[in-house]
C-alpha cells in the first residue's frame, strides 16, 4: 500500500510539473509572439517612412537592428522585394522567397506598407528562432521528466526484486539448515 501510494504521488507530481511547465511556456510563447508582431509593426512603419523620404538615422537603426525575426518585403502581387534573416540559397532565390511568402501568409497576417494611394507593399514575417525553440521546450522537458520517472520506477522495481531475492536466499538457507542439508 505504501509503495503504490509513493508511485501515485510521484506520477501526480510529474504530471503537475509538466502541466505547469507547458502552461507557463505557452503563455511565454504567446507573449513573445505578440511582442514580435509589435516589433514587426514598428519595423514596417520605419520602412514606410524610409520609403517616403522621411529617412533619418533613427529609422535606419530600427530597420538594421532586426537581427532575429525573419522578414520578407513583397509587392502587391507577392513578389519578393527584399528580405532579412533568412538563409538564402545561391540559386532560385525568387522561387525560395515565393515559397516562403506562401508559408508565412498562412502563419501570420502580413503588415501593409502604404507607399502611395495606388501602391502597397507587404511585410511577411516568421517567428524568431528563440520563439520556435521556446515553443518546443515544454515537450522536451516532459520527455526528460518521463525518462526520469521511468528510471526511478526501474530502480525502485529492481531494488524491490533484489530485496525479495535476498529474502528467498535467506529463507532457503534457513530451511536447509533446519533440515540439515548443506548448501554450497
C-alpha atoms as a PDB file:
ATOM      1  CA  UNK A   1       0.000   0.000   0.000  1.00  0.00           C
ATOM      2  CA  UNK A   2       2.785   2.400   0.909  1.00  0.00           C
ATOM      3  CA  UNK A   3       4.702   1.643  -2.317  1.00  0.00           C
ATOM      4  CA  UNK A   4       1.685   2.209  -4.549  1.00  0.00           C
ATOM      5  CA  UNK A   5       0.928   5.484  -2.760  1.00  0.00           C
ATOM      6  CA  UNK A   6       4.516   6.598  -3.404  1.00  0.00           C
ATOM      7  CA  UNK A   7       4.118   5.748  -7.091  1.00  0.00           C
ATOM      8  CA  UNK A   8       0.879   7.715  -7.363  1.00  0.00           C
ATOM      9  CA  UNK A   9       2.435  10.714  -5.645  1.00  0.00           C
ATOM     10  CA  UNK A  10       5.445  10.537  -7.975  1.00  0.00           C
ATOM     11  CA  UNK A  11       3.218  10.310 -11.067  1.00  0.00           C
ATOM     12  CA  UNK A  12       0.968  13.139  -9.848  1.00  0.00           C
ATOM     13  CA  UNK A  13       3.985  15.348  -9.149  1.00  0.00           C
ATOM     14  CA  UNK A  14       5.401  14.670 -12.612  1.00  0.00           C
ATOM     15  CA  UNK A  15       2.065  15.450 -14.264  1.00  0.00           C
ATOM     16  CA  UNK A  16       1.688  18.672 -12.275  1.00  0.00           C
ATOM     17  CA  UNK A  17       5.227  19.798 -13.082  1.00  0.00           C
ATOM     18  CA  UNK A  18       4.759  19.022 -16.761  1.00  0.00           C
ATOM     19  CA  UNK A  19       1.357  20.721 -16.950  1.00  0.00           C
ATOM     20  CA  UNK A  20       2.645  23.816 -15.154  1.00  0.00           C
ATOM     21  CA  UNK A  21       5.650  23.966 -17.459  1.00  0.00           C
ATOM     22  CA  UNK A  22       3.529  23.629 -20.595  1.00  0.00           C
ATOM     23  CA  UNK A  23       1.038  26.274 -19.467  1.00  0.00           C
ATOM     24  CA  UNK A  24       3.770  28.692 -18.394  1.00  0.00           C
ATOM     25  CA  UNK A  25       5.860  28.191 -21.515  1.00  0.00           C
ATOM     26  CA  UNK A  26       2.841  28.561 -23.779  1.00  0.00           C
ATOM     27  CA  UNK A  27       1.989  31.859 -22.107  1.00  0.00           C
ATOM     28  CA  UNK A  28       5.606  32.986 -22.672  1.00  0.00           C
ATOM     29  CA  UNK A  29       5.358  31.942 -26.326  1.00  0.00           C
ATOM     30  CA  UNK A  30       2.118  33.898 -26.734  1.00  0.00           C
ATOM     31  CA  UNK A  31       3.617  36.990 -25.110  1.00  0.00           C
ATOM     32  CA  UNK A  32       6.776  36.761 -27.215  1.00  0.00           C
ATOM     33  CA  UNK A  33       4.695  36.257 -30.350  1.00  0.00           C
ATOM     34  CA  UNK A  34       2.712  39.438 -29.604  1.00  0.00           C
ATOM     35  CA  UNK A  35       5.974  41.270 -28.910  1.00  0.00           C
ATOM     36  CA  UNK A  36       7.430  40.114 -32.217  1.00  0.00           C
ATOM     37  CA  UNK A  37       4.262  41.255 -34.019  1.00  0.00           C
ATOM     38  CA  UNK A  38       4.606  44.675 -32.370  1.00  0.00           C
ATOM     39  CA  UNK A  39       8.265  44.848 -33.395  1.00  0.00           C
ATOM     40  CA  UNK A  40       7.321  43.990 -36.968  1.00  0.00           C
ATOM     41  CA  UNK A  41       4.707  46.756 -36.980  1.00  0.00           C
ATOM     42  CA  UNK A  42       7.356  49.234 -35.801  1.00  0.00           C
ATOM     43  CA  UNK A  43       9.738  47.854 -38.411  1.00  0.00           C
ATOM     44  CA  UNK A  44       7.030  48.274 -41.074  1.00  0.00           C
ATOM     45  CA  UNK A  45       6.407  51.861 -40.005  1.00  0.00           C
ATOM     46  CA  UNK A  46      10.130  52.611 -40.123  1.00  0.00           C
ATOM     47  CA  UNK A  47      10.352  51.041 -43.579  1.00  0.00           C
ATOM     48  CA  UNK A  48       7.339  53.046 -44.728  1.00  0.00           C
ATOM     49  CA  UNK A  49       8.838  56.320 -43.511  1.00  0.00           C
ATOM     50  CA  UNK A  50      12.163  55.484 -45.096  1.00  0.00           C
ATOM     51  CA  UNK A  51      10.421  54.738 -48.409  1.00  0.00           C
ATOM     52  CA  UNK A  52       8.503  58.003 -48.199  1.00  0.00           C
ATOM     53  CA  UNK A  53      11.711  60.033 -47.922  1.00  0.00           C
ATOM     54  CA  UNK A  54      11.331  60.603 -44.212  1.00  0.00           C
ATOM     55  CA  UNK A  55      14.699  58.952 -43.793  1.00  0.00           C
ATOM     56  CA  UNK A  56      16.828  59.613 -40.778  1.00  0.00           C
ATOM     57  CA  UNK A  57      19.429  57.706 -38.793  1.00  0.00           C
ATOM     58  CA  UNK A  58      16.955  56.582 -36.134  1.00  0.00           C
ATOM     59  CA  UNK A  59      14.663  54.868 -38.661  1.00  0.00           C
ATOM     60  CA  UNK A  60      17.637  53.238 -40.356  1.00  0.00           C
ATOM     61  CA  UNK A  61      18.777  51.943 -36.941  1.00  0.00           C
ATOM     62  CA  UNK A  62      15.341  50.386 -36.297  1.00  0.00           C
ATOM     63  CA  UNK A  63      15.491  48.542 -39.600  1.00  0.00           C
ATOM     64  CA  UNK A  64      19.079  47.415 -39.118  1.00  0.00           C
ATOM     65  CA  UNK A  65      18.516  46.251 -35.526  1.00  0.00           C
ATOM     66  CA  UNK A  66      16.231  43.395 -36.558  1.00  0.00           C
ATOM     67  CA  UNK A  67      18.696  40.530 -36.274  1.00  0.00           C
ATOM     68  CA  UNK A  68      16.452  37.656 -35.252  1.00  0.00           C
ATOM     69  CA  UNK A  69      12.973  37.917 -36.797  1.00  0.00           C
ATOM     70  CA  UNK A  70      12.867  36.569 -40.378  1.00  0.00           C
ATOM     71  CA  UNK A  71      11.089  39.120 -42.584  1.00  0.00           C
ATOM     72  CA  UNK A  72      10.238  39.487 -46.283  1.00  0.00           C
ATOM     73  CA  UNK A  73       9.008  42.629 -48.030  1.00  0.00           C
ATOM     74  CA  UNK A  74       6.837  41.863 -51.054  1.00  0.00           C
ATOM     75  CA  UNK A  75       4.858  43.916 -53.550  1.00  0.00           C
ATOM     76  CA  UNK A  76       1.086  43.792 -54.111  1.00  0.00           C
ATOM     77  CA  UNK A  77       1.480  40.662 -56.239  1.00  0.00           C
ATOM     78  CA  UNK A  78       3.529  38.948 -53.500  1.00  0.00           C
ATOM     79  CA  UNK A  79       6.758  39.232 -55.454  1.00  0.00           C
ATOM     80  CA  UNK A  80       9.878  39.371 -53.330  1.00  0.00           C
ATOM     81  CA  UNK A  81      11.469  42.816 -52.947  1.00  0.00           C
ATOM     82  CA  UNK A  82      13.837  42.277 -50.039  1.00  0.00           C
ATOM     83  CA  UNK A  83      14.341  40.034 -47.038  1.00  0.00           C
ATOM     84  CA  UNK A  84      16.233  39.794 -43.799  1.00  0.00           C
ATOM     85  CA  UNK A  85      17.315  36.937 -41.516  1.00  0.00           C
ATOM     86  CA  UNK A  86      16.813  34.078 -43.963  1.00  0.00           C
ATOM     87  CA  UNK A  87      19.445  31.623 -45.147  1.00  0.00           C
ATOM     88  CA  UNK A  88      19.187  32.448 -48.804  1.00  0.00           C
ATOM     89  CA  UNK A  89      20.032  29.775 -51.379  1.00  0.00           C
ATOM     90  CA  UNK A  90      22.627  30.508 -54.050  1.00  0.00           C
ATOM     91  CA  UNK A  91      20.186  29.583 -56.834  1.00  0.00           C
ATOM     92  CA  UNK A  92      16.453  30.056 -57.402  1.00  0.00           C
ATOM     93  CA  UNK A  93      16.194  32.908 -54.919  1.00  0.00           C
ATOM     94  CA  UNK A  94      12.858  34.081 -56.364  1.00  0.00           C
ATOM     95  CA  UNK A  95      11.320  30.592 -56.024  1.00  0.00           C
ATOM     96  CA  UNK A  96      12.680  30.281 -52.492  1.00  0.00           C
ATOM     97  CA  UNK A  97      11.035  33.533 -51.411  1.00  0.00           C
ATOM     98  CA  UNK A  98       7.803  32.723 -53.279  1.00  0.00           C
ATOM     99  CA  UNK A  99       7.534  29.514 -51.215  1.00  0.00           C
ATOM    100  CA  UNK A 100       8.436  31.367 -48.024  1.00  0.00           C
ATOM    101  CA  UNK A 101       5.811  34.049 -48.687  1.00  0.00           C
ATOM    102  CA  UNK A 102       3.172  31.346 -49.236  1.00  0.00           C
ATOM    103  CA  UNK A 103       4.163  29.691 -45.938  1.00  0.00           C
ATOM    104  CA  UNK A 104       4.278  32.955 -43.999  1.00  0.00           C
ATOM    105  CA  UNK A 105       0.917  34.076 -45.401  1.00  0.00           C
ATOM    106  CA  UNK A 106      -0.713  31.134 -43.634  1.00  0.00           C
ATOM    107  CA  UNK A 107       1.182  31.674 -40.405  1.00  0.00           C
ATOM    108  CA  UNK A 108       0.870  35.414 -39.701  1.00  0.00           C
ATOM    109  CA  UNK A 109      -1.194  38.143 -41.321  1.00  0.00           C
ATOM    110  CA  UNK A 110       1.014  40.465 -43.375  1.00  0.00           C
ATOM    111  CA  UNK A 111       1.660  44.044 -42.345  1.00  0.00           C
ATOM    112  CA  UNK A 112       0.739  46.551 -45.020  1.00  0.00           C
ATOM    113  CA  UNK A 113       3.053  49.389 -46.038  1.00  0.00           C
ATOM    114  CA  UNK A 114       1.238  52.115 -47.933  1.00  0.00           C
ATOM    115  CA  UNK A 115       3.690  53.606 -50.435  1.00  0.00           C
ATOM    116  CA  UNK A 116       1.137  55.950 -52.007  1.00  0.00           C
ATOM    117  CA  UNK A 117      -2.558  55.872 -52.915  1.00  0.00           C
ATOM    118  CA  UNK A 118      -2.094  53.180 -55.555  1.00  0.00           C
ATOM    119  CA  UNK A 119       0.909  51.222 -54.354  1.00  0.00           C
ATOM    120  CA  UNK A 120       1.267  48.951 -51.334  1.00  0.00           C
ATOM    121  CA  UNK A 121       3.886  46.559 -50.096  1.00  0.00           C
ATOM    122  CA  UNK A 122       3.538  43.838 -47.515  1.00  0.00           C
ATOM    123  CA  UNK A 123       5.787  42.591 -44.762  1.00  0.00           C
ATOM    124  CA  UNK A 124       5.639  38.870 -44.082  1.00  0.00           C
ATOM    125  CA  UNK A 125       7.402  37.606 -41.004  1.00  0.00           C
ATOM    126  CA  UNK A 126       8.089  34.379 -39.171  1.00  0.00           C
ATOM    127  CA  UNK A 127       8.710  33.576 -35.525  1.00  0.00           C
ATOM    128  CA  UNK A 128      12.260  34.049 -34.355  1.00  0.00           C
ATOM    129  CA  UNK A 129      14.434  31.019 -33.676  1.00  0.00           C
ATOM    130  CA  UNK A 130      14.222  31.724 -29.938  1.00  0.00           C
ATOM    131  CA  UNK A 131      10.411  31.682 -30.054  1.00  0.00           C
ATOM    132  CA  UNK A 132      10.399  28.417 -32.006  1.00  0.00           C
ATOM    133  CA  UNK A 133      12.761  26.819 -29.502  1.00  0.00           C
ATOM    134  CA  UNK A 134      10.698  28.053 -26.588  1.00  0.00           C
ATOM    135  CA  UNK A 135       7.581  26.506 -28.122  1.00  0.00           C
ATOM    136  CA  UNK A 136       9.246  23.054 -28.115  1.00  0.00           C
ATOM    137  CA  UNK A 137      10.785  23.420 -24.661  1.00  0.00           C
ATOM    138  CA  UNK A 138       7.891  22.006 -22.566  1.00  0.00           C
ATOM    139  CA  UNK A 139       7.713  18.867 -24.701  1.00  0.00           C
ATOM    140  CA  UNK A 140      11.434  18.294 -24.343  1.00  0.00           C
ATOM    141  CA  UNK A 141      11.130  18.875 -20.617  1.00  0.00           C
ATOM    142  CA  UNK A 142       8.178  16.463 -20.473  1.00  0.00           C
ATOM    143  CA  UNK A 143      10.329  13.831 -22.201  1.00  0.00           C
ATOM    144  CA  UNK A 144      13.128  14.345 -19.678  1.00  0.00           C
ATOM    145  CA  UNK A 145      10.682  14.064 -16.776  1.00  0.00           C
ATOM    146  CA  UNK A 146       9.196  10.901 -18.319  1.00  0.00           C
ATOM    147  CA  UNK A 147      12.685   9.396 -18.671  1.00  0.00           C
ATOM    148  CA  UNK A 148      13.435  10.333 -15.074  1.00  0.00           C
ATOM    149  CA  UNK A 149      10.211   8.679 -13.911  1.00  0.00           C
ATOM    150  CA  UNK A 150      10.930   5.563 -15.952  1.00  0.00           C
ATOM    151  CA  UNK A 151      14.435   5.355 -14.456  1.00  0.00           C
ATOM    152  CA  UNK A 152      13.038   5.899 -10.949  1.00  0.00           C
ATOM    153  CA  UNK A 153      10.428   3.159 -11.414  1.00  0.00           C
ATOM    154  CA  UNK A 154      13.022   0.814 -12.861  1.00  0.00           C
ATOM    155  CA  UNK A 155      15.395   1.466  -9.930  1.00  0.00           C
ATOM    156  CA  UNK A 156      12.566   1.013  -7.443  1.00  0.00           C
ATOM    157  CA  UNK A 157      11.408  -2.241  -9.072  1.00  0.00           C
ATOM    158  CA  UNK A 158      14.993  -3.540  -9.269  1.00  0.00           C
ATOM    159  CA  UNK A 159      15.552  -2.699  -5.613  1.00  0.00           C
ATOM    160  CA  UNK A 160      12.366  -4.497  -4.596  1.00  0.00           C
ATOM    161  CA  UNK A 161      13.258  -7.527  -6.728  1.00  0.00           C
ATOM    162  CA  UNK A 162      16.756  -7.645  -5.196  1.00  0.00           C
ATOM    163  CA  UNK A 163      15.294  -7.389  -1.732  1.00  0.00           C
ATOM    164  CA  UNK A 164      12.870 -10.230  -2.498  1.00  0.00           C
ATOM    165  CA  UNK A 165      15.675 -12.375  -3.914  1.00  0.00           C
ATOM    166  CA  UNK A 166      17.801 -11.821  -0.814  1.00  0.00           C
ATOM    167  CA  UNK A 167      14.828 -12.798   1.336  1.00  0.00           C
ATOM    168  CA  UNK A 168      14.314 -16.033  -0.625  1.00  0.00           C
ATOM    169  CA  UNK A 169      18.030 -16.860  -0.421  1.00  0.00           C
ATOM    170  CA  UNK A 170      17.915 -16.314   3.346  1.00  0.00           C
ATOM    171  CA  UNK A 171      14.777 -18.436   3.690  1.00  0.00           C
ATOM    172  CA  UNK A 172      16.264 -21.263   1.620  1.00  0.00           C
ATOM    173  CA  UNK A 173      19.449 -21.208   3.736  1.00  0.00           C
ATOM    174  CA  UNK A 174      17.439 -21.304   6.933  1.00  0.00           C
ATOM    175  CA  UNK A 175      15.249 -24.120   5.600  1.00  0.00           C
ATOM    176  CA  UNK A 176      18.320 -26.090   4.550  1.00  0.00           C
ATOM    177  CA  UNK A 177      19.866 -25.514   7.986  1.00  0.00           C
ATOM    178  CA  UNK A 178      16.722 -26.716   9.711  1.00  0.00           C
ATOM    179  CA  UNK A 179      16.684 -29.826   7.546  1.00  0.00           C
ATOM    180  CA  UNK A 180      20.413 -30.371   7.961  1.00  0.00           C
ATOM    181  CA  UNK A 181      21.133 -30.161   4.256  1.00  0.00           C
ATOM    182  CA  UNK A 182      24.386 -28.420   3.390  1.00  0.00           C
ATOM    183  CA  UNK A 183      24.148 -25.618   0.810  1.00  0.00           C
ATOM    184  CA  UNK A 184      27.119 -24.636  -1.323  1.00  0.00           C
END
